[in-house]
Amino acid sequence: MSRATTAQELFEDLQALSATERRKFFLLLESRAFREEDFSYEDIFGHLAGETFTVAEAAQYLEMSVPNFRRYVQRGQIAPVQTVGRNQLFGTRDLRALKQALNTRRAP
């Protein structure tokens, strides 16, 4: 009788793979594993609707550097929803809207 692989064993096997093989694995996983599933933005990120993000988290979400994100803030293209001391926090709705705008602008 065959035994199922545990998550820990799978993780250890993945760590043992070369970087090239790991990339191939994740490309296969991305392209084949969840074909039947059609997740919406809300399915994946809906639980974050009321959350706020730090500058670093917002920049990472937008796939840009922190200094570049700060330029968007200085230009008024996005505003913090809350400031705690010197820390600015940004809402998910504003971040999503900016990301959509950036993706539209980048599209060929």
PDB file of N, CA and C in Angstrom:
ATOM      1  N   MET A   1       0.843  -1.177   0.000  1.00  0.00           N
ATOM      2  CA  MET A   1       0.000   0.000   0.000  1.00  0.00           C
ATOM      3  C   MET A   1       0.891   1.243   0.000  1.00  0.00           C
ATOM      4  N   SER A   2       0.566   2.221  -0.827  1.00  0.00           N
ATOM      5  CA  SER A   2       1.379   3.427  -0.903  1.00  0.00           C
ATOM      6  C   SER A   2       0.995   4.390   0.215  1.00  0.00           C
ATOM      7  N   ARG A   3       1.951   5.191   0.605  1.00  0.00           N
ATOM      8  CA  ARG A   3       1.771   6.147   1.689  1.00  0.00           C
ATOM      9  C   ARG A   3       1.774   7.547   1.102  1.00  0.00           C
ATOM     10  N   ALA A   4       0.902   8.416   1.555  1.00  0.00           N
ATOM     11  CA  ALA A   4       0.848   9.803   1.088  1.00  0.00           C
ATOM     12  C   ALA A   4       2.042  10.570   1.645  1.00  0.00           C
ATOM     13  N   THR A   5       2.544  11.487   0.865  1.00  0.00           N
ATOM     14  CA  THR A   5       3.639  12.347   1.289  1.00  0.00           C
ATOM     15  C   THR A   5       3.096  13.430   2.211  1.00  0.00           C
ATOM     16  N   THR A   6       3.783  13.701   3.283  1.00  0.00           N
ATOM     17  CA  THR A   6       3.363  14.777   4.178  1.00  0.00           C
ATOM     18  C   THR A   6       3.850  16.112   3.628  1.00  0.00           C
ATOM     19  N   ALA A   7       3.279  17.175   4.124  1.00  0.00           N
ATOM     20  CA  ALA A   7       3.689  18.516   3.706  1.00  0.00           C
ATOM     21  C   ALA A   7       5.165  18.751   4.048  1.00  0.00           C
ATOM     22  N   GLN A   8       5.584  18.288   5.216  1.00  0.00           N
ATOM     23  CA  GLN A   8       6.979  18.460   5.633  1.00  0.00           C
ATOM     24  C   GLN A   8       7.919  17.710   4.685  1.00  0.00           C
ATOM     25  N   GLU A   9       7.559  16.477   4.307  1.00  0.00           N
ATOM     26  CA  GLU A   9       8.394  15.693   3.396  1.00  0.00           C
ATOM     27  C   GLU A   9       8.464  16.363   2.021  1.00  0.00           C
ATOM     28  N   LEU A  10       7.339  16.858   1.559  1.00  0.00           N
ATOM     29  CA  LEU A  10       7.314  17.548   0.266  1.00  0.00           C
ATOM     30  C   LEU A  10       8.208  18.780   0.311  1.00  0.00           C
ATOM     31  N   PHE A  11       8.112  19.544   1.386  1.00  0.00           N
ATOM     32  CA  PHE A  11       8.947  20.743   1.544  1.00  0.00           C
ATOM     33  C   PHE A  11      10.425  20.376   1.517  1.00  0.00           C
ATOM     34  N   GLU A  12      10.793  19.329   2.237  1.00  0.00           N
ATOM     35  CA  GLU A  12      12.196  18.891   2.270  1.00  0.00           C
ATOM     36  C   GLU A  12      12.662  18.417   0.905  1.00  0.00           C
ATOM     37  N   ASP A  13      11.788  17.717   0.176  1.00  0.00           N
ATOM     38  CA  ASP A  13      12.138  17.278  -1.183  1.00  0.00           C
ATOM     39  C   ASP A  13      12.342  18.479  -2.101  1.00  0.00           C
ATOM     40  N   LEU A  14      11.491  19.502  -1.952  1.00  0.00           N
ATOM     41  CA  LEU A  14      11.631  20.708  -2.772  1.00  0.00           C
ATOM     42  C   LEU A  14      12.937  21.435  -2.465  1.00  0.00           C
ATOM     43  N   GLN A  15      13.303  21.465  -1.198  1.00  0.00           N
ATOM     44  CA  GLN A  15      14.564  22.112  -0.826  1.00  0.00           C
ATOM     45  C   GLN A  15      15.759  21.379  -1.424  1.00  0.00           C
ATOM     46  N   ALA A  16      15.628  20.080  -1.603  1.00  0.00           N
ATOM     47  CA  ALA A  16      16.732  19.286  -2.139  1.00  0.00           C
ATOM     48  C   ALA A  16      16.909  19.465  -3.649  1.00  0.00           C
ATOM     49  N   LEU A  17      15.881  19.976  -4.321  1.00  0.00           N
ATOM     50  CA  LEU A  17      15.975  20.179  -5.772  1.00  0.00           C
ATOM     51  C   LEU A  17      16.910  21.336  -6.101  1.00  0.00           C
ATOM     52  N   SER A  18      17.488  21.269  -7.277  1.00  0.00           N
ATOM     53  CA  SER A  18      18.301  22.397  -7.743  1.00  0.00           C
ATOM     54  C   SER A  18      17.369  23.568  -8.050  1.00  0.00           C
ATOM     55  N   ALA A  19      17.925  24.759  -8.138  1.00  0.00           N
ATOM     56  CA  ALA A  19      17.120  25.954  -8.415  1.00  0.00           C
ATOM     57  C   ALA A  19      16.377  25.825  -9.741  1.00  0.00           C
ATOM     58  N   THR A  20      17.028  25.253 -10.730  1.00  0.00           N
ATOM     59  CA  THR A  20      16.404  25.065 -12.048  1.00  0.00           C
ATOM     60  C   THR A  20      15.208  24.131 -11.952  1.00  0.00           C
ATOM     61  N   GLU A  21      15.375  23.030 -11.250  1.00  0.00           N
ATOM     62  CA  GLU A  21      14.284  22.072 -11.097  1.00  0.00           C
ATOM     63  C   GLU A  21      13.140  22.652 -10.272  1.00  0.00           C
ATOM     64  N   ARG A  22      13.457  23.461  -9.257  1.00  0.00           N
ATOM     65  CA  ARG A  22      12.408  24.107  -8.462  1.00  0.00           C
ATOM     66  C   ARG A  22      11.585  25.047  -9.337  1.00  0.00           C
ATOM     67  N   ARG A  23      12.268  25.823 -10.199  1.00  0.00           N
ATOM     68  CA  ARG A  23      11.548  26.722 -11.108  1.00  0.00           C
ATOM     69  C   ARG A  23      10.619  25.919 -12.016  1.00  0.00           C
ATOM     70  N   LYS A  24      11.119  24.821 -12.558  1.00  0.00           N
ATOM     71  CA  LYS A  24      10.286  23.978 -13.431  1.00  0.00           C
ATOM     72  C   LYS A  24       9.070  23.461 -12.673  1.00  0.00           C
ATOM     73  N   PHE A  25       9.297  23.023 -11.417  1.00  0.00           N
ATOM     74  CA  PHE A  25       8.198  22.503 -10.614  1.00  0.00           C
ATOM     75  C   PHE A  25       7.116  23.558 -10.426  1.00  0.00           C
ATOM     76  N   PHE A  26       7.514  24.775 -10.053  1.00  0.00           N
ATOM     77  CA  PHE A  26       6.515  25.808  -9.787  1.00  0.00           C
ATOM     78  C   PHE A  26       5.830  26.279 -11.061  1.00  0.00           C
ATOM     79  N   LEU A  27       6.524  26.237 -12.184  1.00  0.00           N
ATOM     80  CA  LEU A  27       5.869  26.553 -13.457  1.00  0.00           C
ATOM     81  C   LEU A  27       4.821  25.495 -13.787  1.00  0.00           C
ATOM     82  N   LEU A  28       5.159  24.227 -13.569  1.00  0.00           N
ATOM     83  CA  LEU A  28       4.182  23.160 -13.780  1.00  0.00           C
ATOM     84  C   LEU A  28       3.005  23.308 -12.830  1.00  0.00           C
ATOM     85  N   LEU A  29       3.280  23.594 -11.588  1.00  0.00           N
ATOM     86  CA  LEU A  29       2.233  23.768 -10.594  1.00  0.00           C
ATOM     87  C   LEU A  29       1.304  24.915 -10.994  1.00  0.00           C
ATOM     88  N   GLU A  30       1.902  26.017 -11.408  1.00  0.00           N
ATOM     89  CA  GLU A  30       1.115  27.186 -11.807  1.00  0.00           C
ATOM     90  C   GLU A  30       0.243  26.884 -13.022  1.00  0.00           C
ATOM     91  N   SER A  31       0.789  26.192 -13.998  1.00  0.00           N
ATOM     92  CA  SER A  31       0.068  25.994 -15.246  1.00  0.00           C
ATOM     93  C   SER A  31      -0.926  24.845 -15.217  1.00  0.00           C
ATOM     94  N   ARG A  32      -0.729  23.871 -14.311  1.00  0.00           N
ATOM     95  CA  ARG A  32      -1.572  22.682 -14.361  1.00  0.00           C
ATOM     96  C   ARG A  32      -2.367  22.369 -13.109  1.00  0.00           C
ATOM     97  N   ALA A  33      -1.938  22.797 -11.980  1.00  0.00           N
ATOM     98  CA  ALA A  33      -2.509  22.298 -10.728  1.00  0.00           C
ATOM     99  C   ALA A  33      -3.940  22.738 -10.483  1.00  0.00           C
ATOM    100  N   PHE A  34      -4.303  23.945 -10.797  1.00  0.00           N
ATOM    101  CA  PHE A  34      -5.609  24.459 -10.403  1.00  0.00           C
ATOM    102  C   PHE A  34      -6.411  24.943 -11.602  1.00  0.00           C
ATOM    103  N   ARG A  35      -6.345  24.222 -12.690  1.00  0.00           N
ATOM    104  CA  ARG A  35      -7.052  24.644 -13.902  1.00  0.00           C
ATOM    105  C   ARG A  35      -8.556  24.762 -13.707  1.00  0.00           C
ATOM    106  N   GLU A  36      -9.131  23.850 -12.937  1.00  0.00           N
ATOM    107  CA  GLU A  36     -10.579  23.871 -12.746  1.00  0.00           C
ATOM    108  C   GLU A  36     -11.030  25.016 -11.851  1.00  0.00           C
ATOM    109  N   GLU A  37     -10.114  25.526 -11.059  1.00  0.00           N
ATOM    110  CA  GLU A  37     -10.450  26.588 -10.128  1.00  0.00           C
ATOM    111  C   GLU A  37     -10.316  27.938 -10.815  1.00  0.00           C
ATOM    112  N   ASP A  38     -11.329  28.737 -10.705  1.00  0.00           N
ATOM    113  CA  ASP A  38     -11.293  30.081 -11.265  1.00  0.00           C
ATOM    114  C   ASP A  38     -11.563  31.047 -10.116  1.00  0.00           C
ATOM    115  N   PHE A  39     -10.506  31.415  -9.423  1.00  0.00           N
ATOM    116  CA  PHE A  39     -10.642  32.255  -8.251  1.00  0.00           C
ATOM    117  C   PHE A  39     -10.758  33.722  -8.652  1.00  0.00           C
ATOM    118  N   SER A  40     -11.635  34.426  -7.991  1.00  0.00           N
ATOM    119  CA  SER A  40     -11.752  35.864  -8.202  1.00  0.00           C
ATOM    120  C   SER A  40     -10.809  36.583  -7.235  1.00  0.00           C
ATOM    121  N   TYR A  41     -10.630  37.848  -7.468  1.00  0.00           N
ATOM    122  CA  TYR A  41      -9.827  38.668  -6.562  1.00  0.00           C
ATOM    123  C   TYR A  41     -10.404  38.590  -5.152  1.00  0.00           C
ATOM    124  N   GLU A  42     -11.703  38.656  -5.049  1.00  0.00           N
ATOM    125  CA  GLU A  42     -12.362  38.619  -3.736  1.00  0.00           C
ATOM    126  C   GLU A  42     -12.160  37.283  -3.044  1.00  0.00           C
ATOM    127  N   ASP A  43     -12.149  36.179  -3.807  1.00  0.00           N
ATOM    128  CA  ASP A  43     -11.917  34.861  -3.208  1.00  0.00           C
ATOM    129  C   ASP A  43     -10.555  34.804  -2.519  1.00  0.00           C
ATOM    130  N   ILE A  44      -9.582  35.413  -3.129  1.00  0.00           N
ATOM    131  CA  ILE A  44      -8.217  35.323  -2.616  1.00  0.00           C
ATOM    132  C   ILE A  44      -7.908  36.418  -1.600  1.00  0.00           C
ATOM    133  N   PHE A  45      -8.318  37.639  -1.886  1.00  0.00           N
ATOM    134  CA  PHE A  45      -7.935  38.774  -1.053  1.00  0.00           C
ATOM    135  C   PHE A  45      -9.096  39.411  -0.295  1.00  0.00           C
ATOM    136  N   GLY A  46     -10.270  38.845  -0.376  1.00  0.00           N
ATOM    137  CA  GLY A  46     -11.451  39.430   0.260  1.00  0.00           C
ATOM    138  C   GLY A  46     -11.307  39.636   1.756  1.00  0.00           C
ATOM    139  N   HIS A  47     -10.600  38.741   2.426  1.00  0.00           N
ATOM    140  CA  HIS A  47     -10.424  38.856   3.875  1.00  0.00           C
ATOM    141  C   HIS A  47      -9.569  40.060   4.261  1.00  0.00           C
ATOM    142  N   LEU A  48      -8.896  40.675   3.283  1.00  0.00           N
ATOM    143  CA  LEU A  48      -8.044  41.829   3.559  1.00  0.00           C
ATOM    144  C   LEU A  48      -8.746  43.159   3.283  1.00  0.00           C
ATOM    145  N   ALA A  49     -10.029  43.122   2.977  1.00  0.00           N
ATOM    146  CA  ALA A  49     -10.750  44.328   2.555  1.00  0.00           C
ATOM    147  C   ALA A  49     -10.628  45.487   3.532  1.00  0.00           C
ATOM    148  N   GLY A  50     -10.650  45.224   4.818  1.00  0.00           N
ATOM    149  CA  GLY A  50     -10.584  46.300   5.792  1.00  0.00           C
ATOM    150  C   GLY A  50      -9.201  46.515   6.379  1.00  0.00           C
ATOM    151  N   GLU A  51      -8.210  45.832   5.870  1.00  0.00           N
ATOM    152  CA  GLU A  51      -6.857  45.915   6.412  1.00  0.00           C
ATOM    153  C   GLU A  51      -6.111  47.130   5.870  1.00  0.00           C
ATOM    154  N   THR A  52      -5.053  47.487   6.562  1.00  0.00           N
ATOM    155  CA  THR A  52      -4.163  48.544   6.083  1.00  0.00           C
ATOM    156  C   THR A  52      -2.764  47.965   5.908  1.00  0.00           C
ATOM    157  N   PHE A  53      -2.001  48.597   5.045  1.00  0.00           N
ATOM    158  CA  PHE A  53      -0.662  48.139   4.726  1.00  0.00           C
ATOM    159  C   PHE A  53       0.355  49.238   4.993  1.00  0.00           C
ATOM    160  N   THR A  54       1.519  48.840   5.453  1.00  0.00           N
ATOM    161  CA  THR A  54       2.611  49.791   5.645  1.00  0.00           C
ATOM    162  C   THR A  54       3.158  50.195   4.283  1.00  0.00           C
ATOM    163  N   VAL A  55       4.048  51.163   4.277  1.00  0.00           N
ATOM    164  CA  VAL A  55       4.675  51.594   3.032  1.00  0.00           C
ATOM    165  C   VAL A  55       5.384  50.427   2.363  1.00  0.00           C
ATOM    166  N   ALA A  56       6.143  49.661   3.131  1.00  0.00           N
ATOM    167  CA  ALA A  56       6.894  48.531   2.563  1.00  0.00           C
ATOM    168  C   ALA A  56       5.947  47.472   2.000  1.00  0.00           C
ATOM    169  N   GLU A  57       4.876  47.166   2.726  1.00  0.00           N
ATOM    170  CA  GLU A  57       3.910  46.172   2.245  1.00  0.00           C
ATOM    171  C   GLU A  57       3.192  46.663   1.001  1.00  0.00           C
ATOM    172  N   ALA A  58       2.828  47.941   0.987  1.00  0.00           N
ATOM    173  CA  ALA A  58       2.147  48.519  -0.176  1.00  0.00           C
ATOM    174  C   ALA A  58       3.056  48.490  -1.398  1.00  0.00           C
ATOM    175  N   ALA A  59       4.309  48.849  -1.215  1.00  0.00           N
ATOM    176  CA  ALA A  59       5.260  48.831  -2.328  1.00  0.00           C
ATOM    177  C   ALA A  59       5.427  47.414  -2.861  1.00  0.00           C
ATOM    178  N   GLN A  60       5.510  46.453  -1.969  1.00  0.00           N
ATOM    179  CA  GLN A  60       5.657  45.056  -2.397  1.00  0.00           C
ATOM    180  C   GLN A  60       4.420  44.615  -3.172  1.00  0.00           C
ATOM    181  N   TYR A  61       3.241  44.957  -2.694  1.00  0.00           N
ATOM    182  CA  TYR A  61       2.002  44.603  -3.393  1.00  0.00           C
ATOM    183  C   TYR A  61       1.977  45.207  -4.797  1.00  0.00           C
ATOM    184  N   LEU A  62       2.456  46.432  -4.917  1.00  0.00           N
ATOM    185  CA  LEU A  62       2.456  47.118  -6.207  1.00  0.00           C
ATOM    186  C   LEU A  62       3.651  46.741  -7.079  1.00  0.00           C
ATOM    187  N   GLU A  63       4.526  45.899  -6.528  1.00  0.00           N
ATOM    188  CA  GLU A  63       5.708  45.424  -7.261  1.00  0.00           C
ATOM    189  C   GLU A  63       6.617  46.587  -7.671  1.00  0.00           C
ATOM    190  N   MET A  64       6.914  47.421  -6.682  1.00  0.00           N
ATOM    191  CA  MET A  64       7.814  48.547  -6.918  1.00  0.00           C
ATOM    192  C   MET A  64       8.658  48.766  -5.677  1.00  0.00           C
ATOM    193  N   SER A  65       9.655  49.596  -5.812  1.00  0.00           N
ATOM    194  CA  SER A  65      10.516  49.897  -4.670  1.00  0.00           C
ATOM    195  C   SER A  65       9.803  50.865  -3.721  1.00  0.00           C
ATOM    196  N   VAL A  66      10.277  50.903  -2.489  1.00  0.00           N
ATOM    197  CA  VAL A  66       9.717  51.827  -1.507  1.00  0.00           C
ATOM    198  C   VAL A  66       9.911  53.281  -1.952  1.00  0.00           C
ATOM    199  N   PRO A  67      11.117  53.678  -2.418  1.00  0.00           N
ATOM    200  CA  PRO A  67      11.256  55.064  -2.878  1.00  0.00           C
ATOM    201  C   PRO A  67      10.306  55.420  -4.025  1.00  0.00           C
ATOM    202  N   ASN A  68      10.093  54.479  -4.926  1.00  0.00           N
ATOM    203  CA  ASN A  68       9.169  54.738  -6.024  1.00  0.00           C
ATOM    204  C   ASN A  68       7.741  54.899  -5.494  1.00  0.00           C
ATOM    205  N   PHE A  69       7.348  54.056  -4.546  1.00  0.00           N
ATOM    206  CA  PHE A  69       6.020  54.181  -3.947  1.00  0.00           C
ATOM    207  C   PHE A  69       5.867  55.524  -3.250  1.00  0.00           C
ATOM    208  N   ARG A  70       6.906  55.951  -2.544  1.00  0.00           N
ATOM    209  CA  ARG A  70       6.844  57.246  -1.851  1.00  0.00           C
ATOM    210  C   ARG A  70       6.643  58.399  -2.843  1.00  0.00           C
ATOM    211  N   ARG A  71       7.189  58.260  -4.050  1.00  0.00           N
ATOM    212  CA  ARG A  71       6.965  59.289  -5.081  1.00  0.00           C
ATOM    213  C   ARG A  71       5.486  59.356  -5.453  1.00  0.00           C
ATOM    214  N   TYR A  72       4.816  58.215  -5.543  1.00  0.00           N
ATOM    215  CA  TYR A  72       3.375  58.217  -5.829  1.00  0.00           C
ATOM    216  C   TYR A  72       2.608  58.925  -4.720  1.00  0.00           C
ATOM    217  N   VAL A  73       3.026  58.725  -3.478  1.00  0.00           N
ATOM    218  CA  VAL A  73       2.378  59.392  -2.340  1.00  0.00           C
ATOM    219  C   VAL A  73       2.617  60.896  -2.417  1.00  0.00           C
ATOM    220  N   GLN A  74       3.857  61.297  -2.678  1.00  0.00           N
ATOM    221  CA  GLN A  74       4.188  62.732  -2.755  1.00  0.00           C
ATOM    222  C   GLN A  74       3.416  63.428  -3.868  1.00  0.00           C
ATOM    223  N   ARG A  75       3.179  62.730  -4.977  1.00  0.00           N
ATOM    224  CA  ARG A  75       2.442  63.304  -6.105  1.00  0.00           C
ATOM    225  C   ARG A  75       0.932  63.293  -5.871  1.00  0.00           C
ATOM    226  N   GLY A  76       0.494  62.669  -4.777  1.00  0.00           N
ATOM    227  CA  GLY A  76      -0.931  62.620  -4.476  1.00  0.00           C
ATOM    228  C   GLY A  76      -1.689  61.546  -5.235  1.00  0.00           C
ATOM    229  N   GLN A  77      -0.978  60.595  -5.817  1.00  0.00           N
ATOM    230  CA  GLN A  77      -1.642  59.533  -6.570  1.00  0.00           C
ATOM    231  C   GLN A  77      -2.239  58.477  -5.649  1.00  0.00           C
ATOM    232  N   ILE A  78      -1.785  58.447  -4.420  1.00  0.00           N
ATOM    233  CA  ILE A  78      -2.374  57.612  -3.383  1.00  0.00           C
ATOM    234  C   ILE A  78      -2.121  58.308  -2.054  1.00  0.00           C
ATOM    235  N   ALA A  79      -3.100  58.216  -1.173  1.00  0.00           N
ATOM    236  CA  ALA A  79      -2.988  58.891   0.129  1.00  0.00           C
ATOM    237  C   ALA A  79      -3.149  57.861   1.244  1.00  0.00           C
ATOM    238  N   PRO A  80      -2.455  58.064   2.332  1.00  0.00           N
ATOM    239  CA  PRO A  80      -2.631  57.147   3.456  1.00  0.00           C
ATOM    240  C   PRO A  80      -4.029  57.295   4.053  1.00  0.00           C
ATOM    241  N   VAL A  81      -4.575  56.184   4.528  1.00  0.00           N
ATOM    242  CA  VAL A  81      -5.877  56.237   5.193  1.00  0.00           C
ATOM    243  C   VAL A  81      -5.713  56.488   6.683  1.00  0.00           C
ATOM    244  N   GLN A  82      -4.485  56.291   7.153  1.00  0.00           N
ATOM    245  CA  GLN A  82      -4.216  56.490   8.576  1.00  0.00           C
ATOM    246  C   GLN A  82      -2.726  56.778   8.745  1.00  0.00           C
ATOM    247  N   THR A  83      -2.417  57.620   9.703  1.00  0.00           N
ATOM    248  CA  THR A  83      -1.029  57.890  10.056  1.00  0.00           C
ATOM    249  C   THR A  83      -0.878  57.644  11.547  1.00  0.00           C
ATOM    250  N   VAL A  84       0.084  56.796  11.896  1.00  0.00           N
ATOM    251  CA  VAL A  84       0.364  56.480  13.292  1.00  0.00           C
ATOM    252  C   VAL A  84       1.789  56.927  13.559  1.00  0.00           C
ATOM    253  N   GLY A  85       1.931  58.026  14.280  1.00  0.00           N
ATOM    254  CA  GLY A  85       3.254  58.600  14.459  1.00  0.00           C
ATOM    255  C   GLY A  85       3.777  59.071  13.109  1.00  0.00           C
ATOM    256  N   ARG A  86       4.917  58.532  12.702  1.00  0.00           N
ATOM    257  CA  ARG A  86       5.475  58.855  11.378  1.00  0.00           C
ATOM    258  C   ARG A  86       5.152  57.794  10.334  1.00  0.00           C
ATOM    259  N   ASN A  87       4.406  56.769  10.744  1.00  0.00           N
ATOM    260  CA  ASN A  87       4.089  55.654   9.849  1.00  0.00           C
ATOM    261  C   ASN A  87       2.769  55.879   9.129  1.00  0.00           C
ATOM    262  N   GLN A  88       2.809  55.755   7.832  1.00  0.00           N
ATOM    263  CA  GLN A  88       1.612  55.897   7.028  1.00  0.00           C
ATOM    264  C   GLN A  88       1.062  54.508   6.710  1.00  0.00           C
ATOM    265  N   LEU A  89      -0.262  54.374   6.759  1.00  0.00           N
ATOM    266  CA  LEU A  89      -0.925  53.114   6.440  1.00  0.00           C
ATOM    267  C   LEU A  89      -1.874  53.346   5.272  1.00  0.00           C
ATOM    268  N   PHE A  90      -1.930  52.383   4.364  1.00  0.00           N
ATOM    269  CA  PHE A  90      -2.690  52.521   3.130  1.00  0.00           C
ATOM    270  C   PHE A  90      -3.757  51.443   3.043  1.00  0.00           C
ATOM    271  N   GLY A  91      -4.934  51.842   2.557  1.00  0.00           N
ATOM    272  CA  GLY A  91      -6.066  50.927   2.455  1.00  0.00           C
ATOM    273  C   GLY A  91      -5.984  50.037   1.230  1.00  0.00           C
ATOM    274  N   THR A  92      -6.579  48.868   1.339  1.00  0.00           N
ATOM    275  CA  THR A  92      -6.525  47.900   0.245  1.00  0.00           C
ATOM    276  C   THR A  92      -7.267  48.394  -0.996  1.00  0.00           C
ATOM    277  N   ARG A  93      -8.370  49.085  -0.793  1.00  0.00           N
ATOM    278  CA  ARG A  93      -9.117  49.575  -1.971  1.00  0.00           C
ATOM    279  C   ARG A  93      -8.282  50.554  -2.790  1.00  0.00           C
ATOM    280  N   ASP A  94      -7.618  51.475  -2.095  1.00  0.00           N
ATOM    281  CA  ASP A  94      -6.782  52.452  -2.796  1.00  0.00           C
ATOM    282  C   ASP A  94      -5.620  51.770  -3.502  1.00  0.00           C
ATOM    283  N   LEU A  95      -5.012  50.798  -2.827  1.00  0.00           N
ATOM    284  CA  LEU A  95      -3.895  50.078  -3.425  1.00  0.00           C
ATOM    285  C   LEU A  95      -4.338  49.288  -4.650  1.00  0.00           C
ATOM    286  N   ARG A  96      -5.490  48.648  -4.538  1.00  0.00           N
ATOM    287  CA  ARG A  96      -5.997  47.874  -5.680  1.00  0.00           C
ATOM    288  C   ARG A  96      -6.298  48.794  -6.860  1.00  0.00           C
ATOM    289  N   ALA A  97      -6.908  49.946  -6.592  1.00  0.00           N
ATOM    290  CA  ALA A  97      -7.215  50.891  -7.671  1.00  0.00           C
ATOM    291  C   ALA A  97      -5.942  51.382  -8.344  1.00  0.00           C
ATOM    292  N   LEU A  98      -4.904  51.692  -7.548  1.00  0.00           N
ATOM    293  CA  LEU A  98      -3.643  52.140  -8.129  1.00  0.00           C
ATOM    294  C   LEU A  98      -3.000  51.023  -8.932  1.00  0.00           C
ATOM    295  N   LYS A  99      -3.050  49.798  -8.422  1.00  0.00           N
ATOM    296  CA  LYS A  99      -2.453  48.673  -9.153  1.00  0.00           C
ATOM    297  C   LYS A  99      -3.159  48.470 -10.497  1.00  0.00           C
ATOM    298  N   GLN A 100      -4.474  48.566 -10.498  1.00  0.00           N
ATOM    299  CA  GLN A 100      -5.223  48.431 -11.752  1.00  0.00           C
ATOM    300  C   GLN A 100      -4.839  49.547 -12.724  1.00  0.00           C
ATOM    301  N   ALA A 101      -4.708  50.760 -12.227  1.00  0.00           N
ATOM    302  CA  ALA A 101      -4.323  51.887 -13.078  1.00  0.00           C
ATOM    303  C   ALA A 101      -2.921  51.675 -13.658  1.00  0.00           C
ATOM    304  N   LEU A 102      -2.012  51.201 -12.816  1.00  0.00           N
ATOM    305  CA  LEU A 102      -0.654  50.950 -13.285  1.00  0.00           C
ATOM    306  C   LEU A 102      -0.624  49.836 -14.314  1.00  0.00           C
ATOM    307  N   ASN A 103      -1.390  48.769 -14.082  1.00  0.00           N
ATOM    308  CA  ASN A 103      -1.431  47.658 -15.033  1.00  0.00           C
ATOM    309  C   ASN A 103      -2.051  48.075 -16.360  1.00  0.00           C
ATOM    310  N   THR A 104      -3.054  48.941 -16.302  1.00  0.00           N
ATOM    311  CA  THR A 104      -3.679  49.438 -17.534  1.00  0.00           C
ATOM    312  C   THR A 104      -2.685  50.276 -18.329  1.00  0.00           C
ATOM    313  N   ARG A 105      -1.927  51.094 -17.615  1.00  0.00           N
ATOM    314  CA  ARG A 105      -0.938  51.951 -18.263  1.00  0.00           C
ATOM    315  C   ARG A 105       0.204  51.126 -18.862  1.00  0.00           C
ATOM    316  N   ARG A 106       0.590  50.021 -18.186  1.00  0.00           N
ATOM    317  CA  ARG A 106       1.681  49.173 -18.656  1.00  0.00           C
ATOM    318  C   ARG A 106       1.284  48.261 -19.799  1.00  0.00           C
ATOM    319  N   ALA A 107      -0.021  47.978 -19.941  1.00  0.00           N
ATOM    320  CA  ALA A 107      -0.473  47.034 -20.959  1.00  0.00           C
ATOM    321  C   ALA A 107      -0.153  47.551 -22.352  1.00  0.00           C
ATOM    322  N   PRO A 108       0.239  46.636 -23.250  1.00  0.00           N
ATOM    323  CA  PRO A 108       0.582  47.069 -24.622  1.00  0.00           C
ATOM    324  C   PRO A 108      -0.626  47.522 -25.409  1.00  0.00           C
TER     325      PRO A 108
END
